[in-house]
Amino acid sequence: YKVVVDKSIDTLIAIGYDSTSEIGRIKLLSEIRLY
């Protein structure tokens, strides 16, 4: 998860996600659908 998110950090910033914050990680996880 960390590798993929770090690799996509610029893309995530462009769509409004701060993946460095806990809130950002929680909201992002609900979209990524790891299930």
Full PDB file with SEQRES, HELIX, SHEET, SSBOND, CRYST1, ORIGX, SCALE, CONECT and MASTER records, all heavy atoms in Angstrom:
SEQRES   1 A   35  TYR LYS VAL VAL VAL ASP LYS SER ILE ASP THR LEU ILE          
SEQRES   2 A   35  ALA ILE GLY TYR ASP SER THR SER GLU ILE GLY ARG ILE          
SEQRES   3 A   35  LYS LEU LEU SER GLU ILE ARG LEU TYR                          
HELIX    1 AA1 LYS A    2  LYS A    7  1                                   6    
HELIX    2 AA2 ILE A    9  ALA A   14  1                                   6    
HELIX    3 AA3 GLU A   22  ILE A   32  1                                  11    
CRYST1    1.000    1.000    1.000  90.00  90.00  90.00 P 1           1          
ORIGX1      1.000000  0.000000  0.000000        0.00000                         
ORIGX2      0.000000  1.000000  0.000000        0.00000                         
ORIGX3      0.000000  0.000000  1.000000        0.00000                         
SCALE1      1.000000  0.000000  0.000000        0.00000                         
SCALE2      0.000000  1.000000  0.000000        0.00000                         
SCALE3      0.000000  0.000000  1.000000        0.00000                         
ATOM      1  N   TYR A   1       0.834  -1.197   0.000  1.00  0.00           N  
ATOM      2  CA  TYR A   1       0.000   0.000   0.000  1.00  0.00           C  
ATOM      3  C   TYR A   1       0.875   1.257   0.000  1.00  0.00           C  
ATOM      4  O   TYR A   1       0.651   2.193  -0.776  1.00  0.00           O  
ATOM      5  CB  TYR A   1      -0.913  -0.014   1.225  1.00  0.00           C  
ATOM      6  CG  TYR A   1      -1.872   1.152   1.306  1.00  0.00           C  
ATOM      7  CD1 TYR A   1      -3.131   1.090   0.719  1.00  0.00           C  
ATOM      8  CD2 TYR A   1      -1.529   2.322   1.984  1.00  0.00           C  
ATOM      9  CE1 TYR A   1      -4.018   2.152   0.793  1.00  0.00           C  
ATOM     10  CE2 TYR A   1      -2.400   3.388   2.057  1.00  0.00           C  
ATOM     11  CZ  TYR A   1      -3.648   3.299   1.456  1.00  0.00           C  
ATOM     12  OH  TYR A   1      -4.513   4.361   1.532  1.00  0.00           O  
ATOM     13  N   LYS A   2       1.892   1.253   0.852  1.00  0.00           N  
ATOM     14  CA  LYS A   2       2.770   2.424   0.952  1.00  0.00           C  
ATOM     15  C   LYS A   2       3.524   2.660  -0.352  1.00  0.00           C  
ATOM     16  O   LYS A   2       3.651   3.800  -0.805  1.00  0.00           O  
ATOM     17  CB  LYS A   2       3.759   2.239   2.099  1.00  0.00           C  
ATOM     18  CG  LYS A   2       4.613   3.469   2.388  1.00  0.00           C  
ATOM     19  CD  LYS A   2       5.500   3.245   3.593  1.00  0.00           C  
ATOM     20  CE  LYS A   2       6.217   4.527   3.981  1.00  0.00           C  
ATOM     21  NZ  LYS A   2       7.037   5.079   2.896  1.00  0.00           N  
ATOM     22  N   VAL A   3       4.027   1.582  -0.967  1.00  0.00           N  
ATOM     23  CA  VAL A   3       4.777   1.715  -2.215  1.00  0.00           C  
ATOM     24  C   VAL A   3       3.907   2.322  -3.305  1.00  0.00           C  
ATOM     25  O   VAL A   3       4.316   3.248  -4.012  1.00  0.00           O  
ATOM     26  CB  VAL A   3       5.318   0.339  -2.669  1.00  0.00           C  
ATOM     27  CG1 VAL A   3       5.816   0.402  -4.105  1.00  0.00           C  
ATOM     28  CG2 VAL A   3       6.439  -0.117  -1.750  1.00  0.00           C  
ATOM     29  N   VAL A   4       2.697   1.807  -3.457  1.00  0.00           N  
ATOM     30  CA  VAL A   4       1.804   2.276  -4.522  1.00  0.00           C  
ATOM     31  C   VAL A   4       1.358   3.714  -4.275  1.00  0.00           C  
ATOM     32  O   VAL A   4       1.337   4.535  -5.192  1.00  0.00           O  
ATOM     33  CB  VAL A   4       0.587   1.338  -4.651  1.00  0.00           C  
ATOM     34  CG1 VAL A   4      -0.427   1.919  -5.643  1.00  0.00           C  
ATOM     35  CG2 VAL A   4       1.029  -0.049  -5.101  1.00  0.00           C  
ATOM     36  N   VAL A   5       1.020   4.031  -3.022  1.00  0.00           N  
ATOM     37  CA  VAL A   5       0.589   5.393  -2.701  1.00  0.00           C  
ATOM     38  C   VAL A   5       1.729   6.385  -2.912  1.00  0.00           C  
ATOM     39  O   VAL A   5       1.537   7.463  -3.490  1.00  0.00           O  
ATOM     40  CB  VAL A   5       0.064   5.479  -1.257  1.00  0.00           C  
ATOM     41  CG1 VAL A   5      -0.133   6.939  -0.831  1.00  0.00           C  
ATOM     42  CG2 VAL A   5      -1.257   4.721  -1.131  1.00  0.00           C  
ATOM     43  N   ASP A   6       2.935   6.024  -2.475  1.00  0.00           N  
ATOM     44  CA  ASP A   6       4.090   6.917  -2.659  1.00  0.00           C  
ATOM     45  C   ASP A   6       4.370   7.142  -4.143  1.00  0.00           C  
ATOM     46  O   ASP A   6       4.724   8.255  -4.561  1.00  0.00           O  
ATOM     47  CB  ASP A   6       5.325   6.327  -1.980  1.00  0.00           C  
ATOM     48  CG  ASP A   6       5.269   6.430  -0.455  1.00  0.00           C  
ATOM     49  OD1 ASP A   6       4.365   7.133   0.044  1.00  0.00           O  
ATOM     50  OD2 ASP A   6       6.107   5.809   0.216  1.00  0.00           O  
ATOM     51  N   LYS A   7       4.212   6.097  -4.938  1.00  0.00           N  
ATOM     52  CA  LYS A   7       4.463   6.215  -6.380  1.00  0.00           C  
ATOM     53  C   LYS A   7       3.413   7.101  -7.059  1.00  0.00           C  
ATOM     54  O   LYS A   7       3.690   7.739  -8.074  1.00  0.00           O  
ATOM     55  CB  LYS A   7       4.453   4.827  -7.016  1.00  0.00           C  
ATOM     56  CG  LYS A   7       4.839   4.800  -8.489  1.00  0.00           C  
ATOM     57  CD  LYS A   7       4.897   3.392  -9.032  1.00  0.00           C  
ATOM     58  CE  LYS A   7       3.521   2.798  -9.164  1.00  0.00           C  
ATOM     59  NZ  LYS A   7       3.539   1.488  -9.859  1.00  0.00           N  
ATOM     60  N   SER A   8       2.238   7.153  -6.450  1.00  0.00           N  
ATOM     61  CA  SER A   8       1.124   7.894  -7.057  1.00  0.00           C  
ATOM     62  C   SER A   8       0.878   9.235  -6.381  1.00  0.00           C  
ATOM     63  O   SER A   8      -0.169   9.850  -6.600  1.00  0.00           O  
ATOM     64  CB  SER A   8      -0.159   7.049  -6.972  1.00  0.00           C  
ATOM     65  OG  SER A   8       0.032   5.756  -7.491  1.00  0.00           O  
ATOM     66  N   ILE A   9       1.820   9.689  -5.572  1.00  0.00           N  
ATOM     67  CA  ILE A   9       1.575  10.869  -4.738  1.00  0.00           C  
ATOM     68  C   ILE A   9       1.234  12.112  -5.555  1.00  0.00           C  
ATOM     69  O   ILE A   9       0.339  12.883  -5.194  1.00  0.00           O  
ATOM     70  CB  ILE A   9       2.783  11.135  -3.803  1.00  0.00           C  
ATOM     71  CG1 ILE A   9       2.408  12.183  -2.755  1.00  0.00           C  
ATOM     72  CG2 ILE A   9       4.025  11.544  -4.590  1.00  0.00           C  
ATOM     73  CD1 ILE A   9       3.393  12.247  -1.601  1.00  0.00           C  
ATOM     74  N   ASP A  10       1.908  12.326  -6.685  1.00  0.00           N  
ATOM     75  CA  ASP A  10       1.613  13.509  -7.509  1.00  0.00           C  
ATOM     76  C   ASP A  10       0.203  13.428  -8.085  1.00  0.00           C  
ATOM     77  O   ASP A  10      -0.524  14.440  -8.133  1.00  0.00           O  
ATOM     78  CB  ASP A  10       2.637  13.635  -8.639  1.00  0.00           C  
ATOM     79  CG  ASP A  10       4.024  14.005  -8.121  1.00  0.00           C  
ATOM     80  OD1 ASP A  10       4.108  14.571  -7.009  1.00  0.00           O  
ATOM     81  OD2 ASP A  10       5.015  13.726  -8.819  1.00  0.00           O  
ATOM     82  N   THR A  11      -0.177  12.247  -8.523  1.00  0.00           N  
ATOM     83  CA  THR A  11      -1.523  12.062  -9.069  1.00  0.00           C  
ATOM     84  C   THR A  11      -2.573  12.297  -7.991  1.00  0.00           C  
ATOM     85  O   THR A  11      -3.609  12.930  -8.236  1.00  0.00           O  
ATOM     86  CB  THR A  11      -1.684  10.640  -9.636  1.00  0.00           C  
ATOM     87  OG1 THR A  11      -0.707  10.433 -10.659  1.00  0.00           O  
ATOM     88  CG2 THR A  11      -3.072  10.438 -10.213  1.00  0.00           C  
ATOM     89  N   LEU A  12      -2.307  11.798  -6.793  1.00  0.00           N  
ATOM     90  CA  LEU A  12      -3.260  11.955  -5.693  1.00  0.00           C  
ATOM     91  C   LEU A  12      -3.411  13.421  -5.292  1.00  0.00           C  
ATOM     92  O   LEU A  12      -4.519  13.888  -5.007  1.00  0.00           O  
ATOM     93  CB  LEU A  12      -2.810  11.122  -4.486  1.00  0.00           C  
ATOM     94  CG  LEU A  12      -2.859   9.602  -4.692  1.00  0.00           C  
ATOM     95  CD1 LEU A  12      -2.197   8.884  -3.527  1.00  0.00           C  
ATOM     96  CD2 LEU A  12      -4.298   9.132  -4.853  1.00  0.00           C  
ATOM     97  N   ILE A  13      -2.315  14.144  -5.281  1.00  0.00           N  
ATOM     98  CA  ILE A  13      -2.373  15.574  -4.962  1.00  0.00           C  
ATOM     99  C   ILE A  13      -3.221  16.301  -6.000  1.00  0.00           C  
ATOM    100  O   ILE A  13      -4.022  17.187  -5.676  1.00  0.00           O  
ATOM    101  CB  ILE A  13      -0.950  16.176  -4.907  1.00  0.00           C  
ATOM    102  CG1 ILE A  13      -0.214  15.641  -3.676  1.00  0.00           C  
ATOM    103  CG2 ILE A  13      -1.015  17.703  -4.862  1.00  0.00           C  
ATOM    104  CD1 ILE A  13       1.240  16.073  -3.600  1.00  0.00           C  
ATOM    105  N   ALA A  14      -3.080  15.892  -7.266  1.00  0.00           N  
ATOM    106  CA  ALA A  14      -3.814  16.537  -8.356  1.00  0.00           C  
ATOM    107  C   ALA A  14      -5.325  16.360  -8.211  1.00  0.00           C  
ATOM    108  O   ALA A  14      -6.100  17.234  -8.625  1.00  0.00           O  
ATOM    109  CB  ALA A  14      -3.355  15.975  -9.702  1.00  0.00           C  
ATOM    110  N   ILE A  15      -5.754  15.238  -7.598  1.00  0.00           N  
ATOM    111  CA  ILE A  15      -7.199  15.038  -7.427  1.00  0.00           C  
ATOM    112  C   ILE A  15      -7.661  15.372  -6.009  1.00  0.00           C  
ATOM    113  O   ILE A  15      -8.785  15.086  -5.628  1.00  0.00           O  
ATOM    114  CB  ILE A  15      -7.610  13.598  -7.804  1.00  0.00           C  
ATOM    115  CG1 ILE A  15      -6.915  12.564  -6.888  1.00  0.00           C  
ATOM    116  CG2 ILE A  15      -7.315  13.306  -9.255  1.00  0.00           C  
ATOM    117  CD1 ILE A  15      -7.393  11.135  -7.132  1.00  0.00           C  
ATOM    118  N   GLY A  16      -6.757  15.962  -5.225  1.00  0.00           N  
ATOM    119  CA  GLY A  16      -7.159  16.531  -3.938  1.00  0.00           C  
ATOM    120  C   GLY A  16      -6.910  15.713  -2.704  1.00  0.00           C  
ATOM    121  O   GLY A  16      -7.437  16.027  -1.635  1.00  0.00           O  
ATOM    122  N   TYR A  17      -6.083  14.638  -2.790  1.00  0.00           N  
ATOM    123  CA  TYR A  17      -5.820  13.811  -1.611  1.00  0.00           C  
ATOM    124  C   TYR A  17      -4.475  14.124  -0.986  1.00  0.00           C  
ATOM    125  O   TYR A  17      -3.462  14.180  -1.684  1.00  0.00           O  
ATOM    126  CB  TYR A  17      -5.832  12.323  -1.971  1.00  0.00           C  
ATOM    127  CG  TYR A  17      -7.204  11.714  -2.007  1.00  0.00           C  
ATOM    128  CD1 TYR A  17      -7.778  11.351  -3.210  1.00  0.00           C  
ATOM    129  CD2 TYR A  17      -7.920  11.502  -0.828  1.00  0.00           C  
ATOM    130  CE1 TYR A  17      -9.046  10.788  -3.248  1.00  0.00           C  
ATOM    131  CE2 TYR A  17      -9.187  10.943  -0.855  1.00  0.00           C  
ATOM    132  CZ  TYR A  17      -9.740  10.591  -2.066  1.00  0.00           C  
ATOM    133  OH  TYR A  17     -10.989  10.042  -2.095  1.00  0.00           O  
ATOM    134  N   ASP A  18      -4.470  14.321   0.325  1.00  0.00           N  
ATOM    135  CA  ASP A  18      -3.222  14.447   1.066  1.00  0.00           C  
ATOM    136  C   ASP A  18      -2.934  13.084   1.691  1.00  0.00           C  
ATOM    137  O   ASP A  18      -3.374  12.783   2.801  1.00  0.00           O  
ATOM    138  CB  ASP A  18      -3.333  15.520   2.152  1.00  0.00           C  
ATOM    139  CG  ASP A  18      -2.066  15.621   2.998  1.00  0.00           C  
ATOM    140  OD1 ASP A  18      -1.050  15.010   2.600  1.00  0.00           O  
ATOM    141  OD2 ASP A  18      -2.096  16.297   4.043  1.00  0.00           O  
ATOM    142  N   SER A  19      -2.187  12.249   0.968  1.00  0.00           N  
ATOM    143  CA  SER A  19      -1.939  10.876   1.427  1.00  0.00           C  
ATOM    144  C   SER A  19      -0.959  10.816   2.587  1.00  0.00           C  
ATOM    145  O   SER A  19      -0.709   9.748   3.135  1.00  0.00           O  
ATOM    146  CB  SER A  19      -1.395  10.032   0.264  1.00  0.00           C  
ATOM    147  OG  SER A  19      -0.187  10.571  -0.221  1.00  0.00           O  
ATOM    148  N   THR A  20      -0.397  11.970   2.988  1.00  0.00           N  
ATOM    149  CA  THR A  20       0.532  11.985   4.117  1.00  0.00           C  
ATOM    150  C   THR A  20      -0.204  12.128   5.447  1.00  0.00           C  
ATOM    151  O   THR A  20       0.385  11.942   6.503  1.00  0.00           O  
ATOM    152  CB  THR A  20       1.541  13.142   3.989  1.00  0.00           C  
ATOM    153  OG1 THR A  20       0.833  14.397   4.012  1.00  0.00           O  
ATOM    154  CG2 THR A  20       2.320  13.028   2.681  1.00  0.00           C  
ATOM    155  N   SER A  21      -1.492  12.453   5.402  1.00  0.00           N  
ATOM    156  CA  SER A  21      -2.274  12.613   6.639  1.00  0.00           C  
ATOM    157  C   SER A  21      -3.103  11.368   6.897  1.00  0.00           C  
ATOM    158  O   SER A  21      -3.469  10.635   5.980  1.00  0.00           O  
ATOM    159  CB  SER A  21      -3.199  13.832   6.541  1.00  0.00           C  
ATOM    160  OG  SER A  21      -4.282  13.565   5.671  1.00  0.00           O  
ATOM    161  N   GLU A  22      -3.424  11.132   8.165  1.00  0.00           N  
ATOM    162  CA  GLU A  22      -4.228   9.961   8.515  1.00  0.00           C  
ATOM    163  C   GLU A  22      -5.612  10.041   7.896  1.00  0.00           C  
ATOM    164  O   GLU A  22      -6.138   9.053   7.381  1.00  0.00           O  
ATOM    165  CB  GLU A  22      -4.334   9.832  10.039  1.00  0.00           C  
ATOM    166  CG  GLU A  22      -5.105   8.588  10.478  1.00  0.00           C  
ATOM    167  CD  GLU A  22      -5.119   8.424  11.988  1.00  0.00           C  
ATOM    168  OE1 GLU A  22      -4.532   9.266  12.685  1.00  0.00           O  
ATOM    169  OE2 GLU A  22      -5.736   7.455  12.458  1.00  0.00           O  
ATOM    170  N   ILE A  23      -6.206  11.227   7.921  1.00  0.00           N  
ATOM    171  CA  ILE A  23      -7.530  11.399   7.334  1.00  0.00           C  
ATOM    172  C   ILE A  23      -7.490  11.109   5.841  1.00  0.00           C  
ATOM    173  O   ILE A  23      -8.372  10.438   5.293  1.00  0.00           O  
ATOM    174  CB  ILE A  23      -8.050  12.829   7.593  1.00  0.00           C  
ATOM    175  CG1 ILE A  23      -8.285  13.049   9.084  1.00  0.00           C  
ATOM    176  CG2 ILE A  23      -9.332  13.085   6.804  1.00  0.00           C  
ATOM    177  CD1 ILE A  23      -8.650  14.472   9.449  1.00  0.00           C  
ATOM    178  N   GLY A  24      -6.430  11.588   5.187  1.00  0.00           N  
ATOM    179  CA  GLY A  24      -6.286  11.341   3.760  1.00  0.00           C  
ATOM    180  C   GLY A  24      -6.159   9.861   3.450  1.00  0.00           C  
ATOM    181  O   GLY A  24      -6.745   9.359   2.483  1.00  0.00           O  
ATOM    182  N   ARG A  25      -5.405   9.135   4.281  1.00  0.00           N  
ATOM    183  CA  ARG A  25      -5.225   7.698   4.059  1.00  0.00           C  
ATOM    184  C   ARG A  25      -6.532   6.936   4.252  1.00  0.00           C  
ATOM    185  O   ARG A  25      -6.846   6.014   3.508  1.00  0.00           O  
ATOM    186  CB  ARG A  25      -4.144   7.143   4.995  1.00  0.00           C  
ATOM    187  CG  ARG A  25      -2.741   7.576   4.633  1.00  0.00           C  
ATOM    188  CD  ARG A  25      -1.699   6.759   5.375  1.00  0.00           C  
ATOM    189  NE  ARG A  25      -1.774   6.937   6.820  1.00  0.00           N  
ATOM    190  CZ  ARG A  25      -1.130   7.880   7.484  1.00  0.00           C  
ATOM    191  NH1 ARG A  25      -0.363   8.739   6.822  1.00  0.00           N  
ATOM    192  NH2 ARG A  25      -1.219   7.972   8.799  1.00  0.00           N  
ATOM    193  N   ILE A  26      -7.312   7.336   5.255  1.00  0.00           N  
ATOM    194  CA  ILE A  26      -8.592   6.668   5.507  1.00  0.00           C  
ATOM    195  C   ILE A  26      -9.552   6.902   4.345  1.00  0.00           C  
ATOM    196  O   ILE A  26     -10.185   5.965   3.838  1.00  0.00           O  
ATOM    197  CB  ILE A  26      -9.215   7.160   6.823  1.00  0.00           C  
ATOM    198  CG1 ILE A  26      -8.367   6.711   8.013  1.00  0.00           C  
ATOM    199  CG2 ILE A  26     -10.644   6.632   6.974  1.00  0.00           C  
ATOM    200  CD1 ILE A  26      -8.843   7.261   9.344  1.00  0.00           C  
ATOM    201  N   LYS A  27      -9.668   8.157   3.889  1.00  0.00           N  
ATOM    202  CA  LYS A  27     -10.563   8.468   2.782  1.00  0.00           C  
ATOM    203  C   LYS A  27     -10.094   7.795   1.500  1.00  0.00           C  
ATOM    204  O   LYS A  27     -10.906   7.285   0.722  1.00  0.00           O  
ATOM    205  CB  LYS A  27     -10.649   9.990   2.584  1.00  0.00           C  
ATOM    206  CG  LYS A  27     -11.452  10.707   3.648  1.00  0.00           C  
ATOM    207  CD  LYS A  27     -11.520  12.198   3.394  1.00  0.00           C  
ATOM    208  CE  LYS A  27     -12.246  12.513   2.107  1.00  0.00           C  
ATOM    209  NZ  LYS A  27     -13.680  12.133   2.150  1.00  0.00           N  
ATOM    210  N   LEU A  28      -8.779   7.757   1.296  1.00  0.00           N  
ATOM    211  CA  LEU A  28      -8.254   7.129   0.087  1.00  0.00           C  
ATOM    212  C   LEU A  28      -8.535   5.637   0.083  1.00  0.00           C  
ATOM    213  O   LEU A  28      -8.912   5.055  -0.945  1.00  0.00           O  
ATOM    214  CB  LEU A  28      -6.747   7.375   0.000  1.00  0.00           C  
ATOM    215  CG  LEU A  28      -6.025   6.774  -1.210  1.00  0.00           C  
ATOM    216  CD1 LEU A  28      -6.600   7.320  -2.499  1.00  0.00           C  
ATOM    217  CD2 LEU A  28      -4.528   7.068  -1.127  1.00  0.00           C  
ATOM    218  N   LEU A  29      -8.392   5.003   1.249  1.00  0.00           N  
ATOM    219  CA  LEU A  29      -8.624   3.574   1.334  1.00  0.00           C  
ATOM    220  C   LEU A  29     -10.065   3.228   0.989  1.00  0.00           C  
ATOM    221  O   LEU A  29     -10.345   2.200   0.369  1.00  0.00           O  
ATOM    222  CB  LEU A  29      -8.293   3.064   2.736  1.00  0.00           C  
ATOM    223  CG  LEU A  29      -8.414   1.547   2.935  1.00  0.00           C  
ATOM    224  CD1 LEU A  29      -7.444   0.826   2.016  1.00  0.00           C  
ATOM    225  CD2 LEU A  29      -8.140   1.167   4.370  1.00  0.00           C  
ATOM    226  N   SER A  30     -11.006   4.099   1.377  1.00  0.00           N  
ATOM    227  CA  SER A  30     -12.413   3.830   1.073  1.00  0.00           C  
ATOM    228  C   SER A  30     -12.686   3.909  -0.421  1.00  0.00           C  
ATOM    229  O   SER A  30     -13.674   3.359  -0.905  1.00  0.00           O  
ATOM    230  CB  SER A  30     -13.313   4.819   1.823  1.00  0.00           C  
ATOM    231  OG  SER A  30     -13.195   6.125   1.285  1.00  0.00           O  
ATOM    232  N   GLU A  31     -11.817   4.566  -1.158  1.00  0.00           N  
ATOM    233  CA  GLU A  31     -11.974   4.651  -2.610  1.00  0.00           C  
ATOM    234  C   GLU A  31     -11.227   3.535  -3.338  1.00  0.00           C  
ATOM    235  O   GLU A  31     -11.679   3.052  -4.378  1.00  0.00           O  
ATOM    236  CB  GLU A  31     -11.453   6.014  -3.124  1.00  0.00           C  
ATOM    237  CG  GLU A  31     -12.141   7.231  -2.536  1.00  0.00           C  
ATOM    238  CD  GLU A  31     -13.580   7.378  -3.013  1.00  0.00           C  
ATOM    239  OE1 GLU A  31     -14.020   6.571  -3.859  1.00  0.00           O  
ATOM    240  OE2 GLU A  31     -14.267   8.295  -2.530  1.00  0.00           O  
ATOM    241  N   ILE A  32     -10.081   3.130  -2.781  1.00  0.00           N  
ATOM    242  CA  ILE A  32      -9.255   2.134  -3.461  1.00  0.00           C  
ATOM    243  C   ILE A  32      -9.903   0.751  -3.449  1.00  0.00           C  
ATOM    244  O   ILE A  32      -9.668  -0.059  -4.334  1.00  0.00           O  
ATOM    245  CB  ILE A  32      -7.838   2.091  -2.839  1.00  0.00           C  
ATOM    246  CG1 ILE A  32      -7.091   3.378  -3.207  1.00  0.00           C  
ATOM    247  CG2 ILE A  32      -7.050   0.889  -3.312  1.00  0.00           C  
ATOM    248  CD1 ILE A  32      -5.688   3.432  -2.688  1.00  0.00           C  
ATOM    249  N   ARG A  33     -10.750   0.466  -2.466  1.00  0.00           N  
ATOM    250  CA  ARG A  33     -11.499  -0.800  -2.428  1.00  0.00           C  
ATOM    251  C   ARG A  33     -10.594  -2.023  -2.332  1.00  0.00           C  
ATOM    252  O   ARG A  33     -10.625  -2.914  -3.188  1.00  0.00           O  
ATOM    253  CB  ARG A  33     -12.403  -0.945  -3.659  1.00  0.00           C  
ATOM    254  CG  ARG A  33     -13.286   0.242  -3.985  1.00  0.00           C  
ATOM    255  CD  ARG A  33     -14.436   0.383  -2.986  1.00  0.00           C  
ATOM    256  NE  ARG A  33     -15.516   1.173  -3.533  1.00  0.00           N  
ATOM    257  CZ  ARG A  33     -15.654   2.483  -3.345  1.00  0.00           C  
ATOM    258  NH1 ARG A  33     -14.763   3.115  -2.603  1.00  0.00           N  
ATOM    259  NH2 ARG A  33     -16.654   3.127  -3.862  1.00  0.00           N  
ATOM    260  N   LEU A  34      -9.799  -2.078  -1.293  1.00  0.00           N  
ATOM    261  CA  LEU A  34      -8.876  -3.211  -1.155  1.00  0.00           C  
ATOM    262  C   LEU A  34      -9.588  -4.548  -0.971  1.00  0.00           C  
ATOM    263  O   LEU A  34      -8.980  -5.592  -1.150  1.00  0.00           O  
ATOM    264  CB  LEU A  34      -7.932  -2.974   0.039  1.00  0.00           C  
ATOM    265  CG  LEU A  34      -6.838  -1.933  -0.192  1.00  0.00           C  
ATOM    266  CD1 LEU A  34      -5.989  -1.813   1.062  1.00  0.00           C  
ATOM    267  CD2 LEU A  34      -5.969  -2.305  -1.371  1.00  0.00           C  
ATOM    268  N   TYR A  35     -10.870  -4.511  -0.632  1.00  0.00           N  
ATOM    269  CA  TYR A  35     -11.584  -5.779  -0.477  1.00  0.00           C  
ATOM    270  C   TYR A  35     -11.731  -6.520  -1.807  1.00  0.00           C  
ATOM    271  O   TYR A  35     -12.153  -7.679  -1.838  1.00  0.00           O  
ATOM    272  CB  TYR A  35     -12.955  -5.564   0.163  1.00  0.00           C  
ATOM    273  CG  TYR A  35     -13.873  -4.616  -0.566  1.00  0.00           C  
ATOM    274  CD1 TYR A  35     -14.617  -5.040  -1.655  1.00  0.00           C  
ATOM    275  CD2 TYR A  35     -13.999  -3.299  -0.146  1.00  0.00           C  
ATOM    276  CE1 TYR A  35     -15.457  -4.170  -2.323  1.00  0.00           C  
ATOM    277  CE2 TYR A  35     -14.835  -2.430  -0.803  1.00  0.00           C  
ATOM    278  CZ  TYR A  35     -15.569  -2.857  -1.895  1.00  0.00           C  
ATOM    279  OH  TYR A  35     -16.402  -1.983  -2.543  1.00  0.00           O  
TER     280      TYR A  35                                                      
MASTER        0    0    0    3    0    0    0    6  279    1    0    3          
END                                                                             
